[in-house]
Amino acid sequence: MTDIFLEYPTESGKVAVLKNASLMVPPGETLAITGPSGSGKTSLLLLLSGLQRPTSGEILVGDQRLGDMDANTLADWRSEHLGIIFQSFHLLPGLTALGNVSLPLEIAGEARPRERALAMLEAVGLSHRLQHYPGQLSGGEQQRVAIARALVHQPSLLLGDEPTGNLDHETGEKVLSLLFDLHKDSKSTLVLVTHDERVAERCQHRVRMDGGRLYAS
C-alpha cells in the first residue's frame, strides 16, 4: 500500500484514521503490526482485506489493485486469495467445526469441500471434534477451527487481528506455534495485528502504528 489516507466523517468534521501510510510485505513473509489501541491497526487490516476503501492512496496485493475492483470482484478476490483470523473467532454457532471450515469452500463452489475441510481440521489436531459446535469447544479449539477455516482454501494473504488475544498464555503459545507452522507450509503472506510481544517476535518484520502513522520498529 502506498500513501494511504483514511478519513471518517463525524458531526464535528473529518477524523483522520490513517495518515500517509505506506507498507510493503515481501510475498511469503510475516509482518507484525503493533501499537496502542485506537492507533489504526484494525483499520489497516480492513483496507488490506478490501472490506474498507481508503480515502486516497493505492493498495496492491500481488498484482491486484484493490481500488480497481467493484464490490462483486472484491468478494470473489477475497474468497480465492484471502484468509482472516479474528480475535473473537467469528464461528457460526449453528454449524459444527467441519461445517464452519467447509462453508467457505461451499460458497466458492469448490470441489470436495468436506474432504478438504476434514484434512485441514486434521492438520490443526481437531479430527476428534469434527461434529462439535463452537459452544462445545474450548477457546483454543475454537481458534484452531478459525485458523483451519482461514487456511482451507490456500490463500495467498493471511490476516490476523489479535489471533491469541482471547486465549490464556499456554493455549496462546500452542495456537501461535500452530499458526506459524501452517503459514510456513502454505507459503502465504502473513500480516498480524497484535499487542503480544511473543507474536511480534515470531515475525520476520514488524512496524508500529501510532496516531494513524506507520513507523519502523
N, C-alpha and C. Protein backbone atom coordinates (compact mmCIF):
# COMPACT_ATOMS: atom_id res chain seq x y z
N MET A 1 0.85 -1.18 0.00
CA MET A 1 0.00 0.00 0.00
C MET A 1 0.89 1.23 0.00
N THR A 2 0.42 2.29 -0.66
CA THR A 2 1.22 3.49 -0.85
C THR A 2 0.40 4.74 -0.57
N ASP A 3 0.93 5.60 0.30
CA ASP A 3 0.33 6.91 0.59
C ASP A 3 -1.15 6.81 0.92
N ILE A 4 -1.47 5.94 1.87
CA ILE A 4 -2.87 5.70 2.23
C ILE A 4 -3.34 6.72 3.27
N PHE A 5 -4.45 7.36 2.95
CA PHE A 5 -5.18 8.19 3.90
C PHE A 5 -6.56 7.58 4.08
N LEU A 6 -7.03 7.58 5.33
CA LEU A 6 -8.38 7.12 5.61
C LEU A 6 -9.02 8.10 6.59
N GLU A 7 -10.16 8.66 6.16
CA GLU A 7 -10.88 9.63 6.99
C GLU A 7 -12.32 9.18 7.18
N TYR A 8 -12.85 9.44 8.37
CA TYR A 8 -14.25 9.19 8.66
C TYR A 8 -14.94 10.50 8.96
N PRO A 9 -16.12 10.72 8.39
CA PRO A 9 -16.86 11.94 8.72
C PRO A 9 -17.52 11.82 10.10
N THR A 10 -17.48 12.89 10.87
CA THR A 10 -18.18 12.96 12.15
C THR A 10 -18.95 14.28 12.21
N GLU A 11 -19.76 14.45 13.24
CA GLU A 11 -20.54 15.67 13.38
C GLU A 11 -19.65 16.90 13.52
N SER A 12 -18.47 16.70 14.07
CA SER A 12 -17.55 17.82 14.27
C SER A 12 -16.52 17.96 13.16
N GLY A 13 -16.67 17.14 12.10
CA GLY A 13 -15.73 17.22 10.98
C GLY A 13 -15.07 15.88 10.71
N LYS A 14 -14.16 15.84 9.76
CA LYS A 14 -13.49 14.60 9.38
C LYS A 14 -12.42 14.24 10.41
N VAL A 15 -12.34 12.93 10.68
CA VAL A 15 -11.31 12.40 11.57
C VAL A 15 -10.38 11.52 10.74
N ALA A 16 -9.09 11.82 10.78
CA ALA A 16 -8.10 11.05 10.04
C ALA A 16 -7.69 9.83 10.85
N VAL A 17 -7.94 8.62 10.29
CA VAL A 17 -7.60 7.37 10.97
C VAL A 17 -6.22 6.89 10.53
N LEU A 18 -5.94 7.00 9.24
CA LEU A 18 -4.62 6.67 8.70
C LEU A 18 -4.09 7.87 7.92
N LYS A 19 -2.81 8.14 8.09
CA LYS A 19 -2.22 9.33 7.51
C LYS A 19 -0.94 8.97 6.76
N ASN A 20 -1.00 9.04 5.45
CA ASN A 20 0.17 8.84 4.62
C ASN A 20 0.87 7.51 4.93
N ALA A 21 0.08 6.45 5.08
CA ALA A 21 0.63 5.15 5.44
C ALA A 21 1.10 4.40 4.20
N SER A 22 2.32 3.91 4.24
CA SER A 22 2.86 3.08 3.16
C SER A 22 3.46 1.82 3.77
N LEU A 23 3.26 0.69 3.11
CA LEU A 23 3.66 -0.59 3.68
C LEU A 23 3.94 -1.57 2.56
N MET A 24 5.04 -2.33 2.69
CA MET A 24 5.36 -3.37 1.71
C MET A 24 5.77 -4.62 2.47
N VAL A 25 5.13 -5.74 2.14
CA VAL A 25 5.45 -7.02 2.75
C VAL A 25 5.88 -7.97 1.64
N PRO A 26 7.10 -8.50 1.68
CA PRO A 26 7.52 -9.45 0.64
C PRO A 26 6.64 -10.68 0.63
N PRO A 27 6.33 -11.21 -0.54
CA PRO A 27 5.47 -12.40 -0.64
C PRO A 27 6.03 -13.56 0.18
N GLY A 28 5.14 -14.22 0.92
CA GLY A 28 5.53 -15.39 1.69
C GLY A 28 6.15 -15.08 3.04
N GLU A 29 6.29 -13.82 3.40
CA GLU A 29 6.93 -13.46 4.66
C GLU A 29 5.89 -13.01 5.69
N THR A 30 6.37 -12.71 6.90
CA THR A 30 5.48 -12.41 8.02
C THR A 30 5.75 -11.00 8.55
N LEU A 31 4.67 -10.32 8.93
CA LEU A 31 4.76 -8.95 9.45
C LEU A 31 3.86 -8.81 10.66
N ALA A 32 4.39 -8.19 11.73
CA ALA A 32 3.59 -7.84 12.90
C ALA A 32 3.36 -6.33 12.90
N ILE A 33 2.12 -5.94 13.17
CA ILE A 33 1.77 -4.53 13.31
C ILE A 33 1.40 -4.31 14.78
N THR A 34 2.18 -3.51 15.49
CA THR A 34 1.95 -3.25 16.90
C THR A 34 1.54 -1.80 17.09
N GLY A 35 1.19 -1.46 18.33
CA GLY A 35 0.80 -0.09 18.62
C GLY A 35 -0.35 -0.04 19.59
N PRO A 36 -0.62 1.13 20.17
CA PRO A 36 -1.69 1.26 21.16
C PRO A 36 -3.07 1.11 20.53
N SER A 37 -4.05 0.84 21.38
CA SER A 37 -5.44 0.78 20.93
C SER A 37 -5.84 2.12 20.32
N GLY A 38 -6.60 2.07 19.23
CA GLY A 38 -7.05 3.29 18.58
C GLY A 38 -6.05 3.92 17.65
N SER A 39 -4.94 3.22 17.38
CA SER A 39 -3.90 3.81 16.52
C SER A 39 -4.15 3.57 15.04
N GLY A 40 -5.14 2.70 14.70
CA GLY A 40 -5.46 2.46 13.30
C GLY A 40 -5.09 1.08 12.80
N LYS A 41 -4.67 0.18 13.70
CA LYS A 41 -4.19 -1.14 13.27
C LYS A 41 -5.29 -1.96 12.59
N THR A 42 -6.45 -2.04 13.22
CA THR A 42 -7.54 -2.82 12.63
C THR A 42 -8.03 -2.20 11.34
N SER A 43 -8.05 -0.87 11.27
CA SER A 43 -8.44 -0.19 10.02
C SER A 43 -7.48 -0.57 8.90
N LEU A 44 -6.20 -0.71 9.23
CA LEU A 44 -5.22 -1.10 8.23
C LEU A 44 -5.53 -2.50 7.69
N LEU A 45 -5.89 -3.43 8.58
CA LEU A 45 -6.26 -4.77 8.13
C LEU A 45 -7.50 -4.75 7.24
N LEU A 46 -8.48 -3.93 7.62
CA LEU A 46 -9.69 -3.83 6.81
C LEU A 46 -9.38 -3.32 5.41
N LEU A 47 -8.44 -2.41 5.30
CA LEU A 47 -8.03 -1.91 3.99
C LEU A 47 -7.34 -3.01 3.18
N LEU A 48 -6.45 -3.77 3.84
CA LEU A 48 -5.75 -4.85 3.14
C LEU A 48 -6.70 -5.94 2.68
N SER A 49 -7.82 -6.10 3.39
CA SER A 49 -8.79 -7.13 3.03
C SER A 49 -9.78 -6.65 1.98
N GLY A 50 -9.79 -5.36 1.67
CA GLY A 50 -10.77 -4.81 0.75
C GLY A 50 -12.13 -4.60 1.37
N LEU A 51 -12.24 -4.79 2.68
CA LEU A 51 -13.51 -4.55 3.37
C LEU A 51 -13.72 -3.06 3.65
N GLN A 52 -12.66 -2.29 3.52
CA GLN A 52 -12.71 -0.83 3.68
C GLN A 52 -11.92 -0.21 2.54
N ARG A 53 -12.42 0.87 2.00
CA ARG A 53 -11.68 1.56 0.94
C ARG A 53 -11.02 2.82 1.50
N PRO A 54 -9.81 3.12 1.07
CA PRO A 54 -9.14 4.32 1.58
C PRO A 54 -9.75 5.59 0.99
N THR A 55 -9.54 6.69 1.68
CA THR A 55 -9.93 7.99 1.15
C THR A 55 -9.07 8.34 -0.06
N SER A 56 -7.78 7.99 0.04
CA SER A 56 -6.87 8.17 -1.09
C SER A 56 -5.69 7.22 -0.92
N GLY A 57 -4.96 7.01 -2.01
CA GLY A 57 -3.82 6.10 -1.99
C GLY A 57 -4.13 4.81 -2.73
N GLU A 58 -3.13 3.96 -2.85
CA GLU A 58 -3.24 2.74 -3.65
C GLU A 58 -2.87 1.52 -2.82
N ILE A 59 -3.67 0.45 -2.96
CA ILE A 59 -3.39 -0.82 -2.29
C ILE A 59 -3.21 -1.89 -3.36
N LEU A 60 -2.04 -2.47 -3.38
CA LEU A 60 -1.69 -3.50 -4.35
C LEU A 60 -1.38 -4.78 -3.59
N VAL A 61 -2.13 -5.84 -3.84
CA VAL A 61 -1.89 -7.15 -3.23
C VAL A 61 -1.51 -8.10 -4.35
N GLY A 62 -0.24 -8.53 -4.36
CA GLY A 62 0.25 -9.27 -5.51
C GLY A 62 0.21 -8.36 -6.72
N ASP A 63 -0.49 -8.78 -7.76
CA ASP A 63 -0.62 -7.93 -8.95
C ASP A 63 -2.03 -7.34 -9.05
N GLN A 64 -2.77 -7.37 -7.94
CA GLN A 64 -4.15 -6.89 -7.94
C GLN A 64 -4.26 -5.52 -7.25
N ARG A 65 -4.79 -4.54 -7.96
CA ARG A 65 -5.08 -3.23 -7.37
C ARG A 65 -6.50 -3.27 -6.82
N LEU A 66 -6.62 -3.22 -5.51
CA LEU A 66 -7.93 -3.37 -4.90
C LEU A 66 -8.85 -2.21 -5.28
N GLY A 67 -8.30 -1.05 -5.51
CA GLY A 67 -9.11 0.11 -5.86
C GLY A 67 -9.76 0.01 -7.22
N ASP A 68 -9.27 -0.90 -8.06
CA ASP A 68 -9.84 -1.08 -9.40
C ASP A 68 -11.03 -2.04 -9.41
N MET A 69 -11.29 -2.69 -8.27
CA MET A 69 -12.33 -3.72 -8.22
C MET A 69 -13.64 -3.16 -7.68
N ASP A 70 -14.77 -3.61 -8.26
CA ASP A 70 -16.06 -3.29 -7.67
C ASP A 70 -16.35 -4.28 -6.54
N ALA A 71 -17.49 -4.13 -5.88
CA ALA A 71 -17.79 -4.94 -4.69
C ALA A 71 -17.83 -6.43 -5.01
N ASN A 72 -18.42 -6.79 -6.15
CA ASN A 72 -18.52 -8.21 -6.50
C ASN A 72 -17.15 -8.81 -6.81
N THR A 73 -16.33 -8.04 -7.53
CA THR A 73 -14.99 -8.53 -7.86
C THR A 73 -14.14 -8.67 -6.61
N LEU A 74 -14.29 -7.73 -5.67
CA LEU A 74 -13.57 -7.81 -4.39
C LEU A 74 -13.99 -9.05 -3.62
N ALA A 75 -15.28 -9.33 -3.61
CA ALA A 75 -15.78 -10.52 -2.90
C ALA A 75 -15.19 -11.79 -3.50
N ASP A 76 -15.13 -11.85 -4.81
CA ASP A 76 -14.53 -13.00 -5.48
C ASP A 76 -13.05 -13.11 -5.15
N TRP A 77 -12.36 -11.97 -5.14
CA TRP A 77 -10.92 -11.95 -4.81
C TRP A 77 -10.70 -12.46 -3.39
N ARG A 78 -11.52 -12.00 -2.44
CA ARG A 78 -11.36 -12.43 -1.05
C ARG A 78 -11.57 -13.94 -0.92
N SER A 79 -12.60 -14.47 -1.59
CA SER A 79 -12.90 -15.89 -1.46
C SER A 79 -11.78 -16.76 -2.02
N GLU A 80 -11.00 -16.22 -2.94
CA GLU A 80 -9.94 -17.01 -3.57
C GLU A 80 -8.57 -16.78 -2.93
N HIS A 81 -8.29 -15.54 -2.51
CA HIS A 81 -6.93 -15.18 -2.13
C HIS A 81 -6.73 -14.79 -0.67
N LEU A 82 -7.79 -14.61 0.09
CA LEU A 82 -7.66 -14.01 1.42
C LEU A 82 -8.18 -14.93 2.52
N GLY A 83 -7.44 -15.00 3.62
CA GLY A 83 -7.89 -15.66 4.83
C GLY A 83 -7.79 -14.68 5.99
N ILE A 84 -8.79 -14.66 6.88
CA ILE A 84 -8.80 -13.75 8.02
C ILE A 84 -9.05 -14.54 9.30
N ILE A 85 -8.24 -14.26 10.33
CA ILE A 85 -8.39 -14.87 11.64
C ILE A 85 -8.71 -13.76 12.62
N PHE A 86 -9.87 -13.86 13.28
CA PHE A 86 -10.31 -12.82 14.20
C PHE A 86 -10.02 -13.21 15.65
N GLN A 87 -9.85 -12.20 16.50
CA GLN A 87 -9.62 -12.43 17.92
C GLN A 87 -10.80 -13.16 18.55
N SER A 88 -12.01 -12.80 18.15
CA SER A 88 -13.20 -13.39 18.75
C SER A 88 -13.76 -14.56 17.93
N PHE A 89 -12.92 -15.14 17.08
CA PHE A 89 -13.18 -16.37 16.33
C PHE A 89 -14.21 -16.21 15.20
N HIS A 90 -15.39 -15.61 15.47
CA HIS A 90 -16.42 -15.40 14.46
C HIS A 90 -16.86 -16.69 13.79
N LEU A 91 -16.95 -17.76 14.57
CA LEU A 91 -17.50 -19.01 14.05
C LEU A 91 -19.03 -18.94 14.06
N LEU A 92 -19.66 -19.65 13.15
CA LEU A 92 -21.12 -19.70 13.10
C LEU A 92 -21.61 -20.73 14.12
N PRO A 93 -22.38 -20.30 15.13
CA PRO A 93 -22.74 -21.21 16.22
C PRO A 93 -23.61 -22.38 15.79
N GLY A 94 -24.35 -22.25 14.69
CA GLY A 94 -25.24 -23.32 14.24
C GLY A 94 -24.57 -24.35 13.37
N LEU A 95 -23.26 -24.19 13.11
CA LEU A 95 -22.52 -25.15 12.30
C LEU A 95 -21.47 -25.85 13.15
N THR A 96 -21.22 -27.12 12.86
CA THR A 96 -20.16 -27.86 13.53
C THR A 96 -18.79 -27.32 13.09
N ALA A 97 -17.75 -27.83 13.71
CA ALA A 97 -16.40 -27.46 13.30
C ALA A 97 -16.19 -27.77 11.82
N LEU A 98 -16.62 -28.95 11.40
CA LEU A 98 -16.49 -29.33 9.99
C LEU A 98 -17.32 -28.42 9.10
N GLY A 99 -18.51 -28.07 9.53
CA GLY A 99 -19.35 -27.18 8.75
C GLY A 99 -18.77 -25.79 8.62
N ASN A 100 -18.19 -25.25 9.70
CA ASN A 100 -17.58 -23.92 9.65
C ASN A 100 -16.40 -23.88 8.68
N VAL A 101 -15.61 -24.92 8.67
CA VAL A 101 -14.41 -24.92 7.82
C VAL A 101 -14.76 -25.20 6.36
N SER A 102 -15.77 -26.02 6.12
CA SER A 102 -16.13 -26.33 4.73
C SER A 102 -16.97 -25.22 4.09
N LEU A 103 -17.60 -24.37 4.90
CA LEU A 103 -18.51 -23.36 4.35
C LEU A 103 -17.86 -22.45 3.31
N PRO A 104 -16.66 -21.88 3.55
CA PRO A 104 -16.07 -21.02 2.51
C PRO A 104 -15.86 -21.73 1.18
N LEU A 105 -15.51 -23.01 1.24
CA LEU A 105 -15.33 -23.77 0.00
C LEU A 105 -16.66 -24.01 -0.70
N GLU A 106 -17.70 -24.27 0.09
CA GLU A 106 -19.02 -24.49 -0.50
C GLU A 106 -19.53 -23.22 -1.17
N ILE A 107 -19.34 -22.08 -0.50
CA ILE A 107 -19.79 -20.80 -1.07
C ILE A 107 -19.06 -20.52 -2.39
N ALA A 108 -17.78 -20.86 -2.43
CA ALA A 108 -16.98 -20.61 -3.62
C ALA A 108 -17.19 -21.66 -4.71
N GLY A 109 -17.98 -22.69 -4.41
CA GLY A 109 -18.23 -23.72 -5.40
C GLY A 109 -17.05 -24.64 -5.64
N GLU A 110 -16.18 -24.78 -4.63
CA GLU A 110 -15.00 -25.62 -4.77
C GLU A 110 -15.38 -27.09 -4.73
N ALA A 111 -14.55 -27.90 -5.35
CA ALA A 111 -14.77 -29.35 -5.36
C ALA A 111 -14.37 -29.94 -4.01
N ARG A 112 -15.06 -30.99 -3.59
CA ARG A 112 -14.78 -31.77 -2.39
C ARG A 112 -14.59 -30.90 -1.14
N PRO A 113 -15.52 -30.01 -0.84
CA PRO A 113 -15.33 -29.11 0.30
C PRO A 113 -15.19 -29.82 1.63
N ARG A 114 -15.99 -30.86 1.88
CA ARG A 114 -15.92 -31.53 3.17
C ARG A 114 -14.63 -32.33 3.32
N GLU A 115 -14.16 -32.92 2.24
CA GLU A 115 -12.90 -33.65 2.30
C GLU A 115 -11.75 -32.71 2.61
N ARG A 116 -11.72 -31.56 1.97
CA ARG A 116 -10.65 -30.60 2.21
C ARG A 116 -10.74 -30.01 3.61
N ALA A 117 -11.97 -29.76 4.08
CA ALA A 117 -12.15 -29.25 5.44
C ALA A 117 -11.69 -30.29 6.46
N LEU A 118 -12.00 -31.54 6.22
CA LEU A 118 -11.57 -32.61 7.12
C LEU A 118 -10.05 -32.67 7.21
N ALA A 119 -9.37 -32.58 6.06
CA ALA A 119 -7.91 -32.62 6.05
C ALA A 119 -7.33 -31.44 6.82
N MET A 120 -7.96 -30.26 6.70
CA MET A 120 -7.46 -29.08 7.39
C MET A 120 -7.67 -29.20 8.89
N LEU A 121 -8.81 -29.73 9.30
CA LEU A 121 -9.06 -29.93 10.73
C LEU A 121 -8.13 -30.99 11.32
N GLU A 122 -7.78 -31.98 10.54
CA GLU A 122 -6.79 -32.95 10.99
C GLU A 122 -5.43 -32.26 11.18
N ALA A 123 -5.11 -31.31 10.28
CA ALA A 123 -3.83 -30.60 10.37
C ALA A 123 -3.73 -29.76 11.64
N VAL A 124 -4.88 -29.26 12.14
CA VAL A 124 -4.85 -28.46 13.37
C VAL A 124 -5.18 -29.30 14.60
N GLY A 125 -5.21 -30.62 14.44
CA GLY A 125 -5.38 -31.52 15.57
C GLY A 125 -6.78 -31.64 16.11
N LEU A 126 -7.78 -31.45 15.25
CA LEU A 126 -9.17 -31.49 15.70
C LEU A 126 -10.00 -32.56 14.99
N SER A 127 -9.36 -33.62 14.55
CA SER A 127 -10.11 -34.66 13.85
C SER A 127 -11.12 -35.34 14.78
N HIS A 128 -10.92 -35.22 16.09
CA HIS A 128 -11.84 -35.83 17.06
C HIS A 128 -12.97 -34.89 17.46
N ARG A 129 -13.01 -33.67 16.87
CA ARG A 129 -14.02 -32.67 17.25
C ARG A 129 -14.83 -32.21 16.05
N LEU A 130 -14.87 -32.99 15.00
CA LEU A 130 -15.48 -32.56 13.74
C LEU A 130 -16.95 -32.19 13.90
N GLN A 131 -17.67 -32.93 14.69
CA GLN A 131 -19.12 -32.74 14.79
C GLN A 131 -19.53 -31.92 16.01
N HIS A 132 -18.57 -31.29 16.65
CA HIS A 132 -18.87 -30.44 17.79
C HIS A 132 -19.15 -29.01 17.32
N TYR A 133 -20.08 -28.36 18.00
CA TYR A 133 -20.43 -26.98 17.70
C TYR A 133 -19.51 -26.03 18.48
N PRO A 134 -19.37 -24.77 18.03
CA PRO A 134 -18.47 -23.85 18.72
C PRO A 134 -18.70 -23.77 20.23
N GLY A 135 -19.96 -23.79 20.66
CA GLY A 135 -20.25 -23.71 22.08
C GLY A 135 -19.78 -24.92 22.87
N GLN A 136 -19.43 -26.00 22.18
CA GLN A 136 -18.93 -27.22 22.83
C GLN A 136 -17.41 -27.29 22.81
N LEU A 137 -16.76 -26.27 22.26
CA LEU A 137 -15.30 -26.25 22.12
C LEU A 137 -14.69 -25.24 23.08
N SER A 138 -13.45 -25.51 23.50
CA SER A 138 -12.72 -24.54 24.30
C SER A 138 -12.28 -23.36 23.43
N GLY A 139 -11.79 -22.31 24.08
CA GLY A 139 -11.31 -21.15 23.32
C GLY A 139 -10.20 -21.51 22.36
N GLY A 140 -9.25 -22.32 22.83
CA GLY A 140 -8.15 -22.73 21.95
C GLY A 140 -8.62 -23.56 20.79
N GLU A 141 -9.60 -24.43 21.03
CA GLU A 141 -10.15 -25.25 19.95
C GLU A 141 -10.91 -24.39 18.95
N GLN A 142 -11.66 -23.41 19.43
CA GLN A 142 -12.36 -22.51 18.52
C GLN A 142 -11.38 -21.73 17.66
N GLN A 143 -10.27 -21.29 18.25
CA GLN A 143 -9.29 -20.54 17.46
C GLN A 143 -8.63 -21.44 16.42
N ARG A 144 -8.42 -22.71 16.75
CA ARG A 144 -7.86 -23.64 15.77
C ARG A 144 -8.84 -23.89 14.63
N VAL A 145 -10.13 -23.94 14.93
CA VAL A 145 -11.13 -24.04 13.87
C VAL A 145 -11.08 -22.79 12.99
N ALA A 146 -10.94 -21.62 13.62
CA ALA A 146 -10.87 -20.37 12.85
C ALA A 146 -9.63 -20.34 11.95
N ILE A 147 -8.52 -20.86 12.44
CA ILE A 147 -7.30 -20.93 11.63
C ILE A 147 -7.50 -21.89 10.46
N ALA A 148 -8.13 -23.04 10.75
CA ALA A 148 -8.40 -24.01 9.67
C ALA A 148 -9.29 -23.39 8.61
N ARG A 149 -10.32 -22.66 9.04
CA ARG A 149 -11.23 -22.02 8.10
C ARG A 149 -10.49 -20.99 7.24
N ALA A 150 -9.58 -20.23 7.85
CA ALA A 150 -8.85 -19.19 7.12
C ALA A 150 -7.88 -19.77 6.11
N LEU A 151 -7.38 -20.99 6.36
CA LEU A 151 -6.35 -21.56 5.51
C LEU A 151 -6.85 -22.62 4.54
N VAL A 152 -8.11 -23.05 4.68
CA VAL A 152 -8.58 -24.21 3.94
C VAL A 152 -8.56 -23.99 2.44
N HIS A 153 -8.73 -22.75 1.98
CA HIS A 153 -8.73 -22.51 0.53
C HIS A 153 -7.36 -22.03 0.03
N GLN A 154 -6.32 -22.21 0.87
CA GLN A 154 -4.94 -21.91 0.50
C GLN A 154 -4.78 -20.46 0.00
N PRO A 155 -5.09 -19.49 0.86
CA PRO A 155 -4.99 -18.08 0.45
C PRO A 155 -3.55 -17.63 0.28
N SER A 156 -3.36 -16.64 -0.56
CA SER A 156 -2.02 -16.07 -0.73
C SER A 156 -1.74 -15.02 0.34
N LEU A 157 -2.80 -14.45 0.95
CA LEU A 157 -2.66 -13.45 2.00
C LEU A 157 -3.48 -13.88 3.21
N LEU A 158 -2.82 -13.94 4.37
CA LEU A 158 -3.48 -14.32 5.61
C LEU A 158 -3.35 -13.17 6.60
N LEU A 159 -4.51 -12.69 7.09
CA LEU A 159 -4.54 -11.57 8.03
C LEU A 159 -5.03 -12.07 9.38
N GLY A 160 -4.42 -11.59 10.46
CA GLY A 160 -4.84 -11.96 11.80
C GLY A 160 -5.00 -10.73 12.68
N ASP A 161 -6.17 -10.59 13.32
CA ASP A 161 -6.43 -9.46 14.22
C ASP A 161 -6.41 -9.99 15.66
N GLU A 162 -5.28 -9.82 16.34
CA GLU A 162 -5.10 -10.31 17.71
C GLU A 162 -5.51 -11.78 17.82
N PRO A 163 -4.89 -12.67 17.04
CA PRO A 163 -5.36 -14.06 16.99
C PRO A 163 -5.21 -14.83 18.29
N THR A 164 -4.38 -14.35 19.23
CA THR A 164 -4.25 -15.04 20.52
C THR A 164 -4.77 -14.18 21.66
N GLY A 165 -5.46 -13.09 21.34
CA GLY A 165 -5.86 -12.12 22.35
C GLY A 165 -6.85 -12.63 23.37
N ASN A 166 -7.67 -13.61 23.01
CA ASN A 166 -8.67 -14.15 23.93
C ASN A 166 -8.26 -15.47 24.56
N LEU A 167 -6.99 -15.81 24.46
CA LEU A 167 -6.52 -17.10 24.95
C LEU A 167 -5.55 -16.92 26.12
N ASP A 168 -5.53 -17.90 27.01
CA ASP A 168 -4.54 -17.85 28.10
C ASP A 168 -3.15 -18.10 27.53
N HIS A 169 -2.14 -17.86 28.36
CA HIS A 169 -0.75 -17.88 27.87
C HIS A 169 -0.39 -19.22 27.24
N GLU A 170 -0.67 -20.32 27.94
CA GLU A 170 -0.27 -21.64 27.44
C GLU A 170 -1.00 -21.98 26.15
N THR A 171 -2.31 -21.74 26.12
CA THR A 171 -3.08 -22.03 24.91
C THR A 171 -2.65 -21.13 23.77
N GLY A 172 -2.38 -19.85 24.09
CA GLY A 172 -1.93 -18.91 23.07
C GLY A 172 -0.62 -19.35 22.43
N GLU A 173 0.29 -19.88 23.24
CA GLU A 173 1.57 -20.36 22.70
C GLU A 173 1.36 -21.52 21.74
N LYS A 174 0.47 -22.43 22.10
CA LYS A 174 0.21 -23.59 21.24
C LYS A 174 -0.43 -23.15 19.92
N VAL A 175 -1.41 -22.25 20.01
CA VAL A 175 -2.08 -21.77 18.82
C VAL A 175 -1.11 -20.98 17.94
N LEU A 176 -0.25 -20.19 18.57
CA LEU A 176 0.72 -19.40 17.83
C LEU A 176 1.69 -20.29 17.05
N SER A 177 2.21 -21.32 17.72
CA SER A 177 3.12 -22.24 17.04
C SER A 177 2.43 -22.94 15.87
N LEU A 178 1.18 -23.33 16.09
CA LEU A 178 0.41 -23.96 15.01
C LEU A 178 0.24 -23.01 13.83
N LEU A 179 -0.11 -21.76 14.12
CA LEU A 179 -0.33 -20.78 13.07
C LEU A 179 0.92 -20.58 12.22
N PHE A 180 2.07 -20.42 12.86
CA PHE A 180 3.30 -20.18 12.11
C PHE A 180 3.74 -21.43 11.36
N ASP A 181 3.52 -22.60 11.92
CA ASP A 181 3.85 -23.84 11.20
C ASP A 181 2.99 -23.98 9.94
N LEU A 182 1.69 -23.72 10.08
CA LEU A 182 0.80 -23.83 8.93
C LEU A 182 1.10 -22.76 7.89
N HIS A 183 1.46 -21.55 8.36
CA HIS A 183 1.84 -20.49 7.43
C HIS A 183 3.05 -20.91 6.61
N LYS A 184 4.04 -21.49 7.27
CA LYS A 184 5.25 -21.92 6.58
C LYS A 184 4.92 -22.95 5.51
N ASP A 185 4.02 -23.88 5.84
CA ASP A 185 3.64 -24.91 4.87
C ASP A 185 2.85 -24.32 3.70
N SER A 186 2.02 -23.31 3.97
CA SER A 186 1.15 -22.77 2.92
C SER A 186 1.85 -21.74 2.04
N LYS A 187 2.98 -21.19 2.54
CA LYS A 187 3.75 -20.18 1.81
C LYS A 187 2.94 -18.90 1.55
N SER A 188 1.95 -18.65 2.40
CA SER A 188 1.16 -17.42 2.28
C SER A 188 1.91 -16.26 2.91
N THR A 189 1.49 -15.04 2.60
CA THR A 189 1.99 -13.85 3.28
C THR A 189 1.13 -13.63 4.52
N LEU A 190 1.76 -13.44 5.67
CA LEU A 190 1.04 -13.36 6.94
C LEU A 190 1.24 -11.98 7.56
N VAL A 191 0.13 -11.28 7.84
CA VAL A 191 0.15 -9.97 8.49
C VAL A 191 -0.70 -10.06 9.75
N LEU A 192 -0.09 -9.76 10.91
CA LEU A 192 -0.77 -9.89 12.19
C LEU A 192 -0.79 -8.57 12.93
N VAL A 193 -1.96 -8.17 13.40
CA VAL A 193 -2.09 -7.07 14.36
C VAL A 193 -2.02 -7.68 15.75
N THR A 194 -1.19 -7.12 16.61
CA THR A 194 -1.02 -7.74 17.92
C THR A 194 -0.53 -6.75 18.97
N HIS A 195 -0.95 -6.98 20.22
CA HIS A 195 -0.35 -6.32 21.37
C HIS A 195 0.65 -7.25 22.05
N ASP A 196 0.75 -8.48 21.58
CA ASP A 196 1.51 -9.52 22.24
C ASP A 196 2.94 -9.55 21.70
N GLU A 197 3.90 -9.29 22.57
CA GLU A 197 5.30 -9.27 22.14
C GLU A 197 5.75 -10.64 21.64
N ARG A 198 5.17 -11.72 22.18
CA ARG A 198 5.53 -13.06 21.70
C ARG A 198 5.20 -13.22 20.22
N VAL A 199 4.05 -12.67 19.83
CA VAL A 199 3.64 -12.77 18.43
C VAL A 199 4.58 -11.95 17.55
N ALA A 200 4.84 -10.71 17.96
CA ALA A 200 5.69 -9.82 17.15
C ALA A 200 7.09 -10.40 16.97
N GLU A 201 7.62 -11.03 18.00
CA GLU A 201 8.97 -11.58 17.91
C GLU A 201 9.07 -12.75 16.95
N ARG A 202 7.95 -13.41 16.69
CA ARG A 202 7.96 -14.55 15.76
C ARG A 202 7.96 -14.11 14.30
N CYS A 203 7.63 -12.84 14.04
CA CYS A 203 7.51 -12.35 12.67
C CYS A 203 8.85 -11.88 12.12
N GLN A 204 9.01 -11.99 10.81
CA GLN A 204 10.25 -11.56 10.17
C GLN A 204 10.38 -10.04 10.12
N HIS A 205 9.25 -9.36 10.06
CA HIS A 205 9.24 -7.90 10.00
C HIS A 205 8.23 -7.37 11.01
N ARG A 206 8.43 -6.13 11.44
CA ARG A 206 7.43 -5.52 12.31
C ARG A 206 7.43 -4.01 12.10
N VAL A 207 6.24 -3.43 12.23
CA VAL A 207 6.08 -1.98 12.17
C VAL A 207 5.20 -1.58 13.36
N ARG A 208 5.26 -0.32 13.71
CA ARG A 208 4.45 0.20 14.81
C ARG A 208 3.52 1.29 14.28
N MET A 209 2.29 1.26 14.73
CA MET A 209 1.34 2.32 14.38
C MET A 209 1.10 3.19 15.60
N ASP A 210 1.04 4.47 15.36
CA ASP A 210 0.71 5.41 16.43
C ASP A 210 0.11 6.65 15.78
N GLY A 211 -1.08 7.02 16.24
CA GLY A 211 -1.72 8.21 15.70
C GLY A 211 -2.03 8.12 14.22
N GLY A 212 -2.27 6.89 13.72
CA GLY A 212 -2.61 6.72 12.31
C GLY A 212 -1.42 6.70 11.37
N ARG A 213 -0.20 6.70 11.95
CA ARG A 213 1.01 6.67 11.12
C ARG A 213 1.80 5.41 11.39
N LEU A 214 2.52 4.94 10.35
CA LEU A 214 3.35 3.76 10.46
C LEU A 214 4.80 4.16 10.69
N TYR A 215 5.45 3.42 11.60
CA TYR A 215 6.84 3.68 11.91
C TYR A 215 7.60 2.36 11.90
N ALA A 216 8.87 2.41 11.48
CA ALA A 216 9.72 1.21 11.57
C ALA A 216 9.89 0.84 13.04
N SER A 217 9.93 -0.46 13.31
CA SER A 217 10.03 -0.90 14.69
C SER A 217 11.25 -1.79 14.88
